[in-house]
Amino acid sequence: MESVDVIDYSILGERLRVLEKIGKWTSTLKLRHEFGMVGRKATVEVLKDVAHSKIDIPGLGELRDVLVRTAFLVETDTTGWPPKPMMPITALQRIKKSAANRMDVDKVLLLERESKKLNRLVNTHKRVILLLRTMKMEKLETYNIQKEKELRTKISESSVELVENITALLEERINVILADLKKMVRDFNSSRSKMLSKLLEETDIRILAKQVLLPTQCEYVFPQLENFSNETGNCLPAPIFLKPLKLEKRYDDGDHERAPLLVDEFDDNIEENDQTSSYFRVLRNSSNSSQAFLKLRIGQIIKQKFEDKEGKVAFGWRRMFKFGPKTFGFFHTAMVTLDVNN
């Protein structure tokens, strides 16, 4: 059966916005790593935003996970090179606004227009088929048959070009994010930085982009005109829309492709815990060793969001009062215990 891929831009647009958000987080973290920050640590702000953003999109969820791991590395690993002298906060703001990894707005708008154009062509094709279905084969008008063929060719060409352009944009943006993460990780010399560096190097950007794109695609199957003869007098079948299959994760077994950023590899290093068991009670007082760490008092309750098991450090929030504002930051897991009452 002849078919083409049609893009649901409402889903794709959402994914592009999430990808841009991850790019901005990476840019901020990179500035924190290279120059330091004035006032509150940028790492805390990045992880706070990540914790508030529920990203469970295949491909993008893995990018978020590796970003979290890098943030823990930047803030808690002591094997890295010292940052450069701090820049004035106004200079940092200018750099952030002109960050190179911002999504190319013109390209995004062009893809949206091309996606809508393809959907209009498909709707026109469906109307032509609906007209042809009302006729017996011996009465099919030559004009309508020719129009159907022209539309089929135009739809096929537009679909191929659109998918190629979207894939290229996704790969370009993912590559920029991964390049920034790799650059940060290379500045450290610990076992977890080497493990993270290896994971980043083995990541296949093409597969990652495919994971992001695949759920936005729907297969449009053309009816076969040649399958119907004058003798049968049957009507043409309607075009068929097939939902995309989920992209299966693949493991490296020689000749096969390796799945990017396997979730299993993160489970032993960074955990996100939103269950009731993620509340912890502080066992002893502590002063914040840096602006990124929480100042703790005995009896306080902390809601854990991420944990780095190797470094014995976690990230979460606490409140001074029951309904007070949340204060986010890192804390040492040895200073807390599971709170069974929450």
C-alpha atoms as a PDB file:
ATOM      1  CA  MET A   1       0.000   0.000   0.000  1.00  0.00           C
ATOM      2  CA  GLU A   2       1.214   3.470  -0.871  1.00  0.00           C
ATOM      3  CA  SER A   3       1.241   5.828   2.111  1.00  0.00           C
ATOM      4  CA  VAL A   4       2.761   9.051   3.466  1.00  0.00           C
ATOM      5  CA  ASP A   5       3.439  10.534   6.893  1.00  0.00           C
ATOM      6  CA  VAL A   6       1.213  13.413   8.011  1.00  0.00           C
ATOM      7  CA  ILE A   7       2.406  15.576  10.913  1.00  0.00           C
ATOM      8  CA  ASP A   8       0.184  16.614  13.824  1.00  0.00           C
ATOM      9  CA  TYR A   9       1.698  20.040  14.395  1.00  0.00           C
ATOM     10  CA  SER A  10      -0.152  20.648  17.668  1.00  0.00           C
ATOM     11  CA  ILE A  11       1.861  17.782  19.176  1.00  0.00           C
ATOM     12  CA  LEU A  12       5.067  18.699  17.350  1.00  0.00           C
ATOM     13  CA  GLY A  13       4.815  22.344  18.438  1.00  0.00           C
ATOM     14  CA  GLU A  14       4.564  21.278  22.074  1.00  0.00           C
ATOM     15  CA  ARG A  15       7.662  19.115  21.710  1.00  0.00           C
ATOM     16  CA  LEU A  16       9.624  21.904  20.054  1.00  0.00           C
ATOM     17  CA  ARG A  17       8.751  24.230  22.949  1.00  0.00           C
ATOM     18  CA  VAL A  18       9.939  21.634  25.475  1.00  0.00           C
ATOM     19  CA  LEU A  19      13.164  21.158  23.502  1.00  0.00           C
ATOM     20  CA  GLU A  20      13.744  24.928  23.542  1.00  0.00           C
ATOM     21  CA  LYS A  21      13.159  24.932  27.310  1.00  0.00           C
ATOM     22  CA  ILE A  22      15.779  22.206  27.800  1.00  0.00           C
ATOM     23  CA  GLY A  23      18.155  24.243  25.625  1.00  0.00           C
ATOM     24  CA  LYS A  24      17.676  27.312  27.848  1.00  0.00           C
ATOM     25  CA  TRP A  25      18.294  25.237  30.991  1.00  0.00           C
ATOM     26  CA  THR A  26      21.492  23.895  29.448  1.00  0.00           C
ATOM     27  CA  SER A  27      22.609  27.402  28.469  1.00  0.00           C
ATOM     28  CA  THR A  28      22.035  28.693  32.021  1.00  0.00           C
ATOM     29  CA  LEU A  29      23.883  25.749  33.534  1.00  0.00           C
ATOM     30  CA  LYS A  30      26.785  26.285  31.160  1.00  0.00           C
ATOM     31  CA  LEU A  31      27.054  29.953  32.215  1.00  0.00           C
ATOM     32  CA  ARG A  32      26.995  28.885  35.872  1.00  0.00           C
ATOM     33  CA  HIS A  33      29.767  26.374  35.214  1.00  0.00           C
ATOM     34  CA  GLU A  34      32.005  28.675  33.181  1.00  0.00           C
ATOM     35  CA  PHE A  35      31.652  31.975  35.037  1.00  0.00           C
ATOM     36  CA  GLY A  36      29.854  31.417  38.339  1.00  0.00           C
ATOM     37  CA  MET A  37      26.748  33.442  39.149  1.00  0.00           C
ATOM     38  CA  VAL A  38      25.936  36.425  41.320  1.00  0.00           C
ATOM     39  CA  GLY A  39      23.363  35.798  44.066  1.00  0.00           C
ATOM     40  CA  ARG A  40      21.521  32.478  44.193  1.00  0.00           C
ATOM     41  CA  LYS A  41      23.061  29.619  42.314  1.00  0.00           C
ATOM     42  CA  ALA A  42      21.786  29.156  38.789  1.00  0.00           C
ATOM     43  CA  THR A  43      21.927  25.376  39.277  1.00  0.00           C
ATOM     44  CA  VAL A  44      19.178  25.593  41.891  1.00  0.00           C
ATOM     45  CA  GLU A  45      16.993  27.662  39.576  1.00  0.00           C
ATOM     46  CA  VAL A  46      17.510  25.201  36.727  1.00  0.00           C
ATOM     47  CA  LEU A  47      16.635  22.139  38.830  1.00  0.00           C
ATOM     48  CA  LYS A  48      13.664  23.989  40.330  1.00  0.00           C
ATOM     49  CA  ASP A  49      12.282  24.584  36.824  1.00  0.00           C
ATOM     50  CA  VAL A  50      13.000  20.976  35.838  1.00  0.00           C
ATOM     51  CA  ALA A  51      11.170  19.705  38.934  1.00  0.00           C
ATOM     52  CA  HIS A  52       8.118  21.817  38.051  1.00  0.00           C
ATOM     53  CA  SER A  53       8.109  20.647  34.425  1.00  0.00           C
ATOM     54  CA  LYS A  54       6.617  17.203  33.977  1.00  0.00           C
ATOM     55  CA  ILE A  55       8.533  16.013  30.917  1.00  0.00           C
ATOM     56  CA  ASP A  56       7.602  12.426  30.090  1.00  0.00           C
ATOM     57  CA  ILE A  57       8.025  12.721  26.312  1.00  0.00           C
ATOM     58  CA  PRO A  58      10.217   9.932  24.869  1.00  0.00           C
ATOM     59  CA  GLY A  59      13.583  11.350  23.878  1.00  0.00           C
ATOM     60  CA  LEU A  60      13.073  14.653  25.690  1.00  0.00           C
ATOM     61  CA  GLY A  61      12.660  12.898  29.040  1.00  0.00           C
ATOM     62  CA  GLU A  62      16.074  11.299  28.542  1.00  0.00           C
ATOM     63  CA  LEU A  63      17.588  14.684  27.690  1.00  0.00           C
ATOM     64  CA  ARG A  64      16.128  16.098  30.882  1.00  0.00           C
ATOM     65  CA  ASP A  65      17.620  13.238  32.912  1.00  0.00           C
ATOM     66  CA  VAL A  66      21.133  13.776  31.580  1.00  0.00           C
ATOM     67  CA  LEU A  67      20.759  17.515  32.210  1.00  0.00           C
ATOM     68  CA  VAL A  68      19.900  16.764  35.860  1.00  0.00           C
ATOM     69  CA  ARG A  69      22.928  14.511  36.192  1.00  0.00           C
ATOM     70  CA  THR A  70      25.158  17.226  34.755  1.00  0.00           C
ATOM     71  CA  ALA A  71      23.673  19.793  37.161  1.00  0.00           C
ATOM     72  CA  PHE A  72      24.555  17.552  40.119  1.00  0.00           C
ATOM     73  CA  LEU A  73      28.052  17.156  38.710  1.00  0.00           C
ATOM     74  CA  VAL A  74      28.575  20.904  38.271  1.00  0.00           C
ATOM     75  CA  GLU A  75      27.383  21.736  41.780  1.00  0.00           C
ATOM     76  CA  THR A  76      28.727  18.855  43.896  1.00  0.00           C
ATOM     77  CA  ASP A  77      31.792  17.387  42.149  1.00  0.00           C
ATOM     78  CA  THR A  78      35.071  18.824  43.458  1.00  0.00           C
ATOM     79  CA  THR A  79      37.289  17.429  40.674  1.00  0.00           C
ATOM     80  CA  GLY A  80      36.413  20.094  38.125  1.00  0.00           C
ATOM     81  CA  TRP A  81      38.375  23.142  37.019  1.00  0.00           C
ATOM     82  CA  PRO A  82      37.585  26.292  39.042  1.00  0.00           C
ATOM     83  CA  PRO A  83      35.206  28.661  37.236  1.00  0.00           C
ATOM     84  CA  LYS A  84      36.461  31.815  35.594  1.00  0.00           C
ATOM     85  CA  PRO A  85      36.136  35.107  37.500  1.00  0.00           C
ATOM     86  CA  MET A  86      32.521  36.132  37.974  1.00  0.00           C
ATOM     87  CA  MET A  87      31.007  38.359  35.350  1.00  0.00           C
ATOM     88  CA  PRO A  88      28.683  41.262  36.198  1.00  0.00           C
ATOM     89  CA  ILE A  89      25.084  40.059  36.360  1.00  0.00           C
ATOM     90  CA  THR A  90      24.098  42.469  33.550  1.00  0.00           C
ATOM     91  CA  ALA A  91      26.665  40.846  31.240  1.00  0.00           C
ATOM     92  CA  LEU A  92      25.347  37.387  32.148  1.00  0.00           C
ATOM     93  CA  GLN A  93      21.790  38.451  31.356  1.00  0.00           C
ATOM     94  CA  ARG A  94      22.872  39.729  27.929  1.00  0.00           C
ATOM     95  CA  ILE A  95      24.639  36.448  27.199  1.00  0.00           C
ATOM     96  CA  LYS A  96      21.604  34.427  28.276  1.00  0.00           C
ATOM     97  CA  LYS A  97      19.289  36.464  26.033  1.00  0.00           C
ATOM     98  CA  SER A  98      21.536  35.911  23.014  1.00  0.00           C
ATOM     99  CA  ALA A  99      22.297  32.260  23.804  1.00  0.00           C
ATOM    100  CA  ALA A 100      23.239  30.315  20.686  1.00  0.00           C
ATOM    101  CA  ASN A 101      20.984  27.382  21.504  1.00  0.00           C
ATOM    102  CA  ARG A 102      17.725  29.278  21.172  1.00  0.00           C
ATOM    103  CA  MET A 103      15.349  27.717  18.699  1.00  0.00           C
ATOM    104  CA  ASP A 104      15.465  29.268  15.235  1.00  0.00           C
ATOM    105  CA  VAL A 105      12.063  30.988  15.149  1.00  0.00           C
ATOM    106  CA  ASP A 106      12.019  31.372  11.357  1.00  0.00           C
ATOM    107  CA  LYS A 107      12.630  27.644  10.860  1.00  0.00           C
ATOM    108  CA  VAL A 108       9.893  26.730  13.329  1.00  0.00           C
ATOM    109  CA  LEU A 109       7.361  29.034  11.653  1.00  0.00           C
ATOM    110  CA  LEU A 110       8.286  27.625   8.241  1.00  0.00           C
ATOM    111  CA  LEU A 111       7.755  24.056   9.469  1.00  0.00           C
ATOM    112  CA  GLU A 112       4.375  25.032  10.912  1.00  0.00           C
ATOM    113  CA  ARG A 113       3.283  26.528   7.577  1.00  0.00           C
ATOM    114  CA  GLU A 114       4.498  23.486   5.628  1.00  0.00           C
ATOM    115  CA  SER A 115       2.747  21.135   8.062  1.00  0.00           C
ATOM    116  CA  LYS A 116      -0.557  22.985   7.670  1.00  0.00           C
ATOM    117  CA  LYS A 117      -0.121  23.021   3.886  1.00  0.00           C
ATOM    118  CA  LEU A 118       0.362  19.242   3.863  1.00  0.00           C
ATOM    119  CA  ASN A 119      -2.780  18.751   5.947  1.00  0.00           C
ATOM    120  CA  ARG A 120      -4.774  20.926   3.536  1.00  0.00           C
ATOM    121  CA  LEU A 121      -3.561  18.803   0.594  1.00  0.00           C
ATOM    122  CA  VAL A 122      -4.610  15.640   2.417  1.00  0.00           C
ATOM    123  CA  ASN A 123      -8.076  17.066   3.124  1.00  0.00           C
ATOM    124  CA  THR A 124      -8.440  18.017  -0.556  1.00  0.00           C
ATOM    125  CA  HIS A 125      -7.433  14.485  -1.544  1.00  0.00           C
ATOM    126  CA  LYS A 126     -10.044  13.020   0.805  1.00  0.00           C
ATOM    127  CA  ARG A 127     -12.751  15.165  -0.817  1.00  0.00           C
ATOM    128  CA  VAL A 128     -11.702  13.999  -4.296  1.00  0.00           C
ATOM    129  CA  ILE A 129     -11.817  10.361  -3.164  1.00  0.00           C
ATOM    130  CA  LEU A 130     -15.248  10.966  -1.619  1.00  0.00           C
ATOM    131  CA  LEU A 131     -16.463  12.215  -5.005  1.00  0.00           C
ATOM    132  CA  LEU A 132     -14.958   9.236  -6.829  1.00  0.00           C
ATOM    133  CA  ARG A 133     -16.530   6.784  -4.365  1.00  0.00           C
ATOM    134  CA  THR A 134     -20.001   7.937  -5.366  1.00  0.00           C
ATOM    135  CA  MET A 135     -19.396   6.757  -8.968  1.00  0.00           C
ATOM    136  CA  LYS A 136     -19.200   3.342 -10.520  1.00  0.00           C
ATOM    137  CA  MET A 137     -15.875   2.571 -12.138  1.00  0.00           C
ATOM    138  CA  GLU A 138     -17.230   2.935 -15.663  1.00  0.00           C
ATOM    139  CA  LYS A 139     -18.482   6.416 -14.808  1.00  0.00           C
ATOM    140  CA  LEU A 140     -15.347   7.763 -13.143  1.00  0.00           C
ATOM    141  CA  GLU A 141     -14.445  11.088 -14.656  1.00  0.00           C
ATOM    142  CA  THR A 142     -10.981  11.319 -16.207  1.00  0.00           C
ATOM    143  CA  TYR A 143     -10.553  14.798 -14.718  1.00  0.00           C
ATOM    144  CA  ASN A 144     -11.067  13.581 -11.150  1.00  0.00           C
ATOM    145  CA  ILE A 145      -8.778  10.587 -11.612  1.00  0.00           C
ATOM    146  CA  GLN A 146      -6.022  12.832 -12.952  1.00  0.00           C
ATOM    147  CA  LYS A 147      -6.568  15.287 -10.099  1.00  0.00           C
ATOM    148  CA  GLU A 148      -6.268  12.443  -7.587  1.00  0.00           C
ATOM    149  CA  LYS A 149      -2.959  11.343  -9.086  1.00  0.00           C
ATOM    150  CA  GLU A 150      -1.578  14.895  -9.069  1.00  0.00           C
ATOM    151  CA  LEU A 151      -2.598  15.354  -5.452  1.00  0.00           C
ATOM    152  CA  ARG A 152      -1.051  12.024  -4.510  1.00  0.00           C
ATOM    153  CA  THR A 153       2.270  13.052  -6.060  1.00  0.00           C
ATOM    154  CA  LYS A 154       2.211  16.497  -4.430  1.00  0.00           C
ATOM    155  CA  ILE A 155       1.327  15.024  -1.008  1.00  0.00           C
ATOM    156  CA  SER A 156       4.116  12.453  -1.225  1.00  0.00           C
ATOM    157  CA  GLU A 157       6.734  15.065  -2.139  1.00  0.00           C
ATOM    158  CA  SER A 158       5.573  17.496   0.551  1.00  0.00           C
ATOM    159  CA  SER A 159       5.541  14.777   3.205  1.00  0.00           C
ATOM    160  CA  VAL A 160       9.089  13.618   2.474  1.00  0.00           C
ATOM    161  CA  GLU A 161      10.435  17.185   2.480  1.00  0.00           C
ATOM    162  CA  LEU A 162       8.592  18.120   5.689  1.00  0.00           C
ATOM    163  CA  VAL A 163       9.770  15.063   7.637  1.00  0.00           C
ATOM    164  CA  GLU A 164      13.347  15.646   6.474  1.00  0.00           C
ATOM    165  CA  ASN A 165      13.259  19.318   7.545  1.00  0.00           C
ATOM    166  CA  ILE A 166      11.742  18.551  10.950  1.00  0.00           C
ATOM    167  CA  THR A 167      14.269  15.776  11.552  1.00  0.00           C
ATOM    168  CA  ALA A 168      17.131  18.102  10.601  1.00  0.00           C
ATOM    169  CA  LEU A 169      15.894  20.791  13.018  1.00  0.00           C
ATOM    170  CA  LEU A 170      15.489  18.301  15.885  1.00  0.00           C
ATOM    171  CA  GLU A 171      18.929  16.804  15.301  1.00  0.00           C
ATOM    172  CA  GLU A 172      20.499  20.274  15.122  1.00  0.00           C
ATOM    173  CA  ARG A 173      18.958  21.429  18.425  1.00  0.00           C
ATOM    174  CA  ILE A 174      19.667  18.145  20.255  1.00  0.00           C
ATOM    175  CA  ASN A 175      23.253  18.226  19.006  1.00  0.00           C
ATOM    176  CA  VAL A 176      23.768  21.750  20.429  1.00  0.00           C
ATOM    177  CA  ILE A 177      22.398  20.681  23.832  1.00  0.00           C
ATOM    178  CA  LEU A 178      24.506  17.530  23.981  1.00  0.00           C
ATOM    179  CA  ALA A 179      27.622  19.437  22.873  1.00  0.00           C
ATOM    180  CA  ASP A 180      27.197  21.887  25.781  1.00  0.00           C
ATOM    181  CA  LEU A 181      26.657  19.038  28.240  1.00  0.00           C
ATOM    182  CA  LYS A 182      29.730  17.193  26.955  1.00  0.00           C
ATOM    183  CA  LYS A 183      31.838  20.326  27.304  1.00  0.00           C
ATOM    184  CA  MET A 184      30.827  20.724  30.950  1.00  0.00           C
ATOM    185  CA  VAL A 185      31.334  17.059  31.824  1.00  0.00           C
ATOM    186  CA  ARG A 186      34.833  17.011  30.282  1.00  0.00           C
ATOM    187  CA  ASP A 187      35.978  19.560  32.882  1.00  0.00           C
ATOM    188  CA  PHE A 188      35.617  16.967  35.663  1.00  0.00           C
ATOM    189  CA  ASN A 189      37.733  13.946  36.507  1.00  0.00           C
ATOM    190  CA  SER A 190      35.708  11.569  38.649  1.00  0.00           C
ATOM    191  CA  SER A 191      34.171   8.149  38.124  1.00  0.00           C
ATOM    192  CA  ARG A 192      30.673   9.533  37.671  1.00  0.00           C
ATOM    193  CA  SER A 193      31.870  12.205  35.216  1.00  0.00           C
ATOM    194  CA  LYS A 194      33.596   9.504  33.149  1.00  0.00           C
ATOM    195  CA  MET A 195      30.431   7.389  33.201  1.00  0.00           C
ATOM    196  CA  LEU A 196      28.315  10.350  32.140  1.00  0.00           C
ATOM    197  CA  SER A 197      30.814  11.319  29.428  1.00  0.00           C
ATOM    198  CA  LYS A 198      30.704   7.780  28.017  1.00  0.00           C
ATOM    199  CA  LEU A 199      26.914   7.838  27.977  1.00  0.00           C
ATOM    200  CA  LEU A 200      26.844  11.152  26.133  1.00  0.00           C
ATOM    201  CA  GLU A 201      29.383   9.979  23.545  1.00  0.00           C
ATOM    202  CA  GLU A 202      27.368   6.837  22.829  1.00  0.00           C
ATOM    203  CA  THR A 203      24.108   8.701  22.350  1.00  0.00           C
ATOM    204  CA  ASP A 204      22.752   8.458  18.810  1.00  0.00           C
ATOM    205  CA  ILE A 205      21.215  11.833  17.976  1.00  0.00           C
ATOM    206  CA  ARG A 206      19.273  10.368  15.046  1.00  0.00           C
ATOM    207  CA  ILE A 207      17.445   7.871  17.241  1.00  0.00           C
ATOM    208  CA  LEU A 208      16.763  10.525  19.861  1.00  0.00           C
ATOM    209  CA  ALA A 209      15.233  12.827  17.217  1.00  0.00           C
ATOM    210  CA  LYS A 210      13.155   9.924  15.904  1.00  0.00           C
ATOM    211  CA  GLN A 211      11.779   9.282  19.389  1.00  0.00           C
ATOM    212  CA  VAL A 212      10.636  12.908  19.572  1.00  0.00           C
ATOM    213  CA  LEU A 213       9.150  12.964  16.056  1.00  0.00           C
ATOM    214  CA  LEU A 214       7.485   9.554  15.753  1.00  0.00           C
ATOM    215  CA  PRO A 215       4.420  10.185  17.992  1.00  0.00           C
ATOM    216  CA  THR A 216       3.599  13.302  15.938  1.00  0.00           C
ATOM    217  CA  GLN A 217       3.302  11.291  12.731  1.00  0.00           C
ATOM    218  CA  CYS A 218       0.214   9.595  11.347  1.00  0.00           C
ATOM    219  CA  GLU A 219       0.338   7.337   8.286  1.00  0.00           C
ATOM    220  CA  TYR A 220      -2.075   8.267   5.494  1.00  0.00           C
ATOM    221  CA  VAL A 221      -2.763   5.273   3.240  1.00  0.00           C
ATOM    222  CA  PHE A 222      -3.894   5.982  -0.330  1.00  0.00           C
ATOM    223  CA  PRO A 223      -6.666   3.824  -1.833  1.00  0.00           C
ATOM    224  CA  GLN A 224      -5.550   1.723  -4.815  1.00  0.00           C
ATOM    225  CA  LEU A 225      -7.503   2.761  -7.932  1.00  0.00           C
ATOM    226  CA  GLU A 226      -6.099  -0.095 -10.002  1.00  0.00           C
ATOM    227  CA  ASN A 227      -7.653  -2.681  -7.677  1.00  0.00           C
ATOM    228  CA  PHE A 228     -11.144  -1.912  -8.979  1.00  0.00           C
ATOM    229  CA  SER A 229     -12.362  -2.918 -12.395  1.00  0.00           C
ATOM    230  CA  ASN A 230     -15.383  -2.123 -14.502  1.00  0.00           C
ATOM    231  CA  GLU A 231     -16.746  -5.632 -13.974  1.00  0.00           C
ATOM    232  CA  THR A 232     -17.051  -5.387 -10.215  1.00  0.00           C
ATOM    233  CA  GLY A 233     -18.558  -1.953 -10.168  1.00  0.00           C
ATOM    234  CA  ASN A 234     -17.357  -1.541  -6.595  1.00  0.00           C
ATOM    235  CA  CYS A 235     -16.870   1.840  -5.014  1.00  0.00           C
ATOM    236  CA  LEU A 236     -13.443   3.030  -3.971  1.00  0.00           C
ATOM    237  CA  PRO A 237     -12.464   2.513  -0.340  1.00  0.00           C
ATOM    238  CA  ALA A 238     -11.834   5.541   1.823  1.00  0.00           C
ATOM    239  CA  PRO A 239      -8.264   6.564   2.692  1.00  0.00           C
ATOM    240  CA  ILE A 240      -6.981   5.117   5.967  1.00  0.00           C
ATOM    241  CA  PHE A 241      -5.201   6.847   8.834  1.00  0.00           C
ATOM    242  CA  LEU A 242      -2.915   4.614  10.866  1.00  0.00           C
ATOM    243  CA  LYS A 243      -1.584   5.734  14.236  1.00  0.00           C
ATOM    244  CA  PRO A 244       2.202   5.507  14.656  1.00  0.00           C
ATOM    245  CA  LEU A 245       3.787   2.645  16.538  1.00  0.00           C
ATOM    246  CA  LYS A 246       5.899   3.396  19.589  1.00  0.00           C
ATOM    247  CA  LEU A 247       9.626   3.412  18.956  1.00  0.00           C
ATOM    248  CA  GLU A 248      11.097   0.388  20.669  1.00  0.00           C
ATOM    249  CA  LYS A 249      14.324   0.820  22.593  1.00  0.00           C
ATOM    250  CA  ARG A 250      17.237  -1.073  21.128  1.00  0.00           C
ATOM    251  CA  TYR A 251      20.286  -2.395  22.903  1.00  0.00           C
ATOM    252  CA  ASP A 252      23.797  -2.698  21.547  1.00  0.00           C
ATOM    253  CA  ASP A 253      24.327  -6.274  20.464  1.00  0.00           C
ATOM    254  CA  GLY A 254      26.806  -5.859  17.680  1.00  0.00           C
ATOM    255  CA  ASP A 255      25.119  -4.839  14.462  1.00  0.00           C
ATOM    256  CA  HIS A 256      22.022  -3.229  15.962  1.00  0.00           C
ATOM    257  CA  GLU A 257      21.590   0.387  16.946  1.00  0.00           C
ATOM    258  CA  ARG A 258      21.895   1.350  20.580  1.00  0.00           C
ATOM    259  CA  ALA A 259      19.012   3.080  22.303  1.00  0.00           C
ATOM    260  CA  PRO A 260      19.871   6.652  23.329  1.00  0.00           C
ATOM    261  CA  LEU A 261      20.197   7.505  27.002  1.00  0.00           C
ATOM    262  CA  LEU A 262      18.632   4.341  28.343  1.00  0.00           C
ATOM    263  CA  VAL A 263      16.366   5.033  31.301  1.00  0.00           C
ATOM    264  CA  ASP A 264      17.718   2.001  33.173  1.00  0.00           C
ATOM    265  CA  GLU A 265      21.151   3.593  33.267  1.00  0.00           C
ATOM    266  CA  PHE A 266      19.762   6.613  35.088  1.00  0.00           C
ATOM    267  CA  ASP A 267      17.878   4.666  37.732  1.00  0.00           C
ATOM    268  CA  ASP A 268      21.096   3.894  39.595  1.00  0.00           C
ATOM    269  CA  ASN A 269      22.312   7.483  39.563  1.00  0.00           C
ATOM    270  CA  ILE A 270      19.578  10.085  39.447  1.00  0.00           C
ATOM    271  CA  GLU A 271      16.110   9.368  40.768  1.00  0.00           C
ATOM    272  CA  GLU A 272      13.067  11.580  40.576  1.00  0.00           C
ATOM    273  CA  ASN A 273      10.663  10.720  43.329  1.00  0.00           C
ATOM    274  CA  ASP A 274       7.236  12.300  43.554  1.00  0.00           C
ATOM    275  CA  GLN A 275       5.688   9.630  45.779  1.00  0.00           C
ATOM    276  CA  THR A 276       4.704  10.137  49.419  1.00  0.00           C
ATOM    277  CA  SER A 277       7.865   8.280  50.479  1.00  0.00           C
ATOM    278  CA  SER A 278       9.966  11.169  49.138  1.00  0.00           C
ATOM    279  CA  TYR A 279       9.371  13.270  52.266  1.00  0.00           C
ATOM    280  CA  PHE A 280      12.316  13.309  54.681  1.00  0.00           C
ATOM    281  CA  ARG A 281      12.833  14.620  58.208  1.00  0.00           C
ATOM    282  CA  VAL A 282      16.040  16.477  59.134  1.00  0.00           C
ATOM    283  CA  LEU A 283      18.105  14.728  61.828  1.00  0.00           C
ATOM    284  CA  ARG A 284      20.566  17.493  62.677  1.00  0.00           C
ATOM    285  CA  ASN A 285      21.253  21.141  62.047  1.00  0.00           C
ATOM    286  CA  SER A 286      23.493  22.242  59.202  1.00  0.00           C
ATOM    287  CA  SER A 287      24.647  25.526  57.774  1.00  0.00           C
ATOM    288  CA  ASN A 288      24.506  25.835  54.013  1.00  0.00           C
ATOM    289  CA  SER A 289      28.003  25.044  52.715  1.00  0.00           C
ATOM    290  CA  SER A 290      27.217  27.064  49.586  1.00  0.00           C
ATOM    291  CA  GLN A 291      24.334  29.102  48.238  1.00  0.00           C
ATOM    292  CA  ALA A 292      23.105  26.002  46.440  1.00  0.00           C
ATOM    293  CA  PHE A 293      22.641  23.978  49.659  1.00  0.00           C
ATOM    294  CA  LEU A 294      19.726  24.318  52.061  1.00  0.00           C
ATOM    295  CA  LYS A 295      20.232  25.485  55.627  1.00  0.00           C
ATOM    296  CA  LEU A 296      18.616  22.732  57.699  1.00  0.00           C
ATOM    297  CA  ARG A 297      17.166  22.586  61.196  1.00  0.00           C
ATOM    298  CA  ILE A 298      16.261  19.503  63.213  1.00  0.00           C
ATOM    299  CA  GLY A 299      12.684  18.370  62.552  1.00  0.00           C
ATOM    300  CA  GLN A 300      12.208  20.175  59.252  1.00  0.00           C
ATOM    301  CA  ILE A 301      10.497  18.246  56.440  1.00  0.00           C
ATOM    302  CA  ILE A 302      12.083  18.128  52.985  1.00  0.00           C
ATOM    303  CA  LYS A 303      10.373  17.033  49.786  1.00  0.00           C
ATOM    304  CA  GLN A 304      12.971  15.253  47.667  1.00  0.00           C
ATOM    305  CA  LYS A 305      12.783  15.685  43.895  1.00  0.00           C
ATOM    306  CA  PHE A 306      16.096  14.253  42.640  1.00  0.00           C
ATOM    307  CA  GLU A 307      18.793  12.151  44.237  1.00  0.00           C
ATOM    308  CA  ASP A 308      22.377  11.409  43.260  1.00  0.00           C
ATOM    309  CA  LYS A 309      23.096   8.150  45.025  1.00  0.00           C
ATOM    310  CA  GLU A 310      26.789   8.131  44.186  1.00  0.00           C
ATOM    311  CA  GLY A 311      27.400  11.585  45.640  1.00  0.00           C
ATOM    312  CA  LYS A 312      25.100  11.105  48.650  1.00  0.00           C
ATOM    313  CA  VAL A 313      23.427  14.378  47.727  1.00  0.00           C
ATOM    314  CA  ALA A 314      19.790  15.093  46.888  1.00  0.00           C
ATOM    315  CA  PHE A 315      17.762  18.047  45.640  1.00  0.00           C
ATOM    316  CA  GLY A 316      14.404  19.185  46.922  1.00  0.00           C
ATOM    317  CA  TRP A 317      12.507  21.859  48.796  1.00  0.00           C
ATOM    318  CA  ARG A 318      11.491  22.792  52.332  1.00  0.00           C
ATOM    319  CA  ARG A 319       9.149  25.320  53.946  1.00  0.00           C
ATOM    320  CA  MET A 320       9.753  27.370  57.072  1.00  0.00           C
ATOM    321  CA  PHE A 321       6.022  27.184  57.794  1.00  0.00           C
ATOM    322  CA  LYS A 322       3.304  24.761  56.709  1.00  0.00           C
ATOM    323  CA  PHE A 323       1.978  27.047  53.993  1.00  0.00           C
ATOM    324  CA  GLY A 324       5.077  29.183  53.496  1.00  0.00           C
ATOM    325  CA  PRO A 325       7.015  29.588  50.230  1.00  0.00           C
ATOM    326  CA  LYS A 326       9.180  26.708  49.041  1.00  0.00           C
ATOM    327  CA  THR A 327      12.949  27.030  49.257  1.00  0.00           C
ATOM    328  CA  PHE A 328      14.803  24.783  46.817  1.00  0.00           C
ATOM    329  CA  GLY A 329      18.336  23.494  47.148  1.00  0.00           C
ATOM    330  CA  PHE A 330      20.705  20.561  47.638  1.00  0.00           C
ATOM    331  CA  PHE A 331      21.114  18.634  50.894  1.00  0.00           C
ATOM    332  CA  HIS A 332      23.217  15.728  52.145  1.00  0.00           C
ATOM    333  CA  THR A 333      21.198  12.522  52.438  1.00  0.00           C
ATOM    334  CA  ALA A 334      23.111  11.483  55.574  1.00  0.00           C
ATOM    335  CA  MET A 335      21.420  14.335  57.468  1.00  0.00           C
ATOM    336  CA  VAL A 336      17.835  13.198  56.839  1.00  0.00           C
ATOM    337  CA  THR A 337      15.670  10.146  57.363  1.00  0.00           C
ATOM    338  CA  LEU A 338      12.468   8.946  55.715  1.00  0.00           C
ATOM    339  CA  ASP A 339       9.396  10.582  57.256  1.00  0.00           C
ATOM    340  CA  VAL A 340       6.735   7.884  57.601  1.00  0.00           C
ATOM    341  CA  ASN A 341       3.991  10.369  58.523  1.00  0.00           C
ATOM    342  CA  ASN A 342       3.898  11.987  55.077  1.00  0.00           C
END
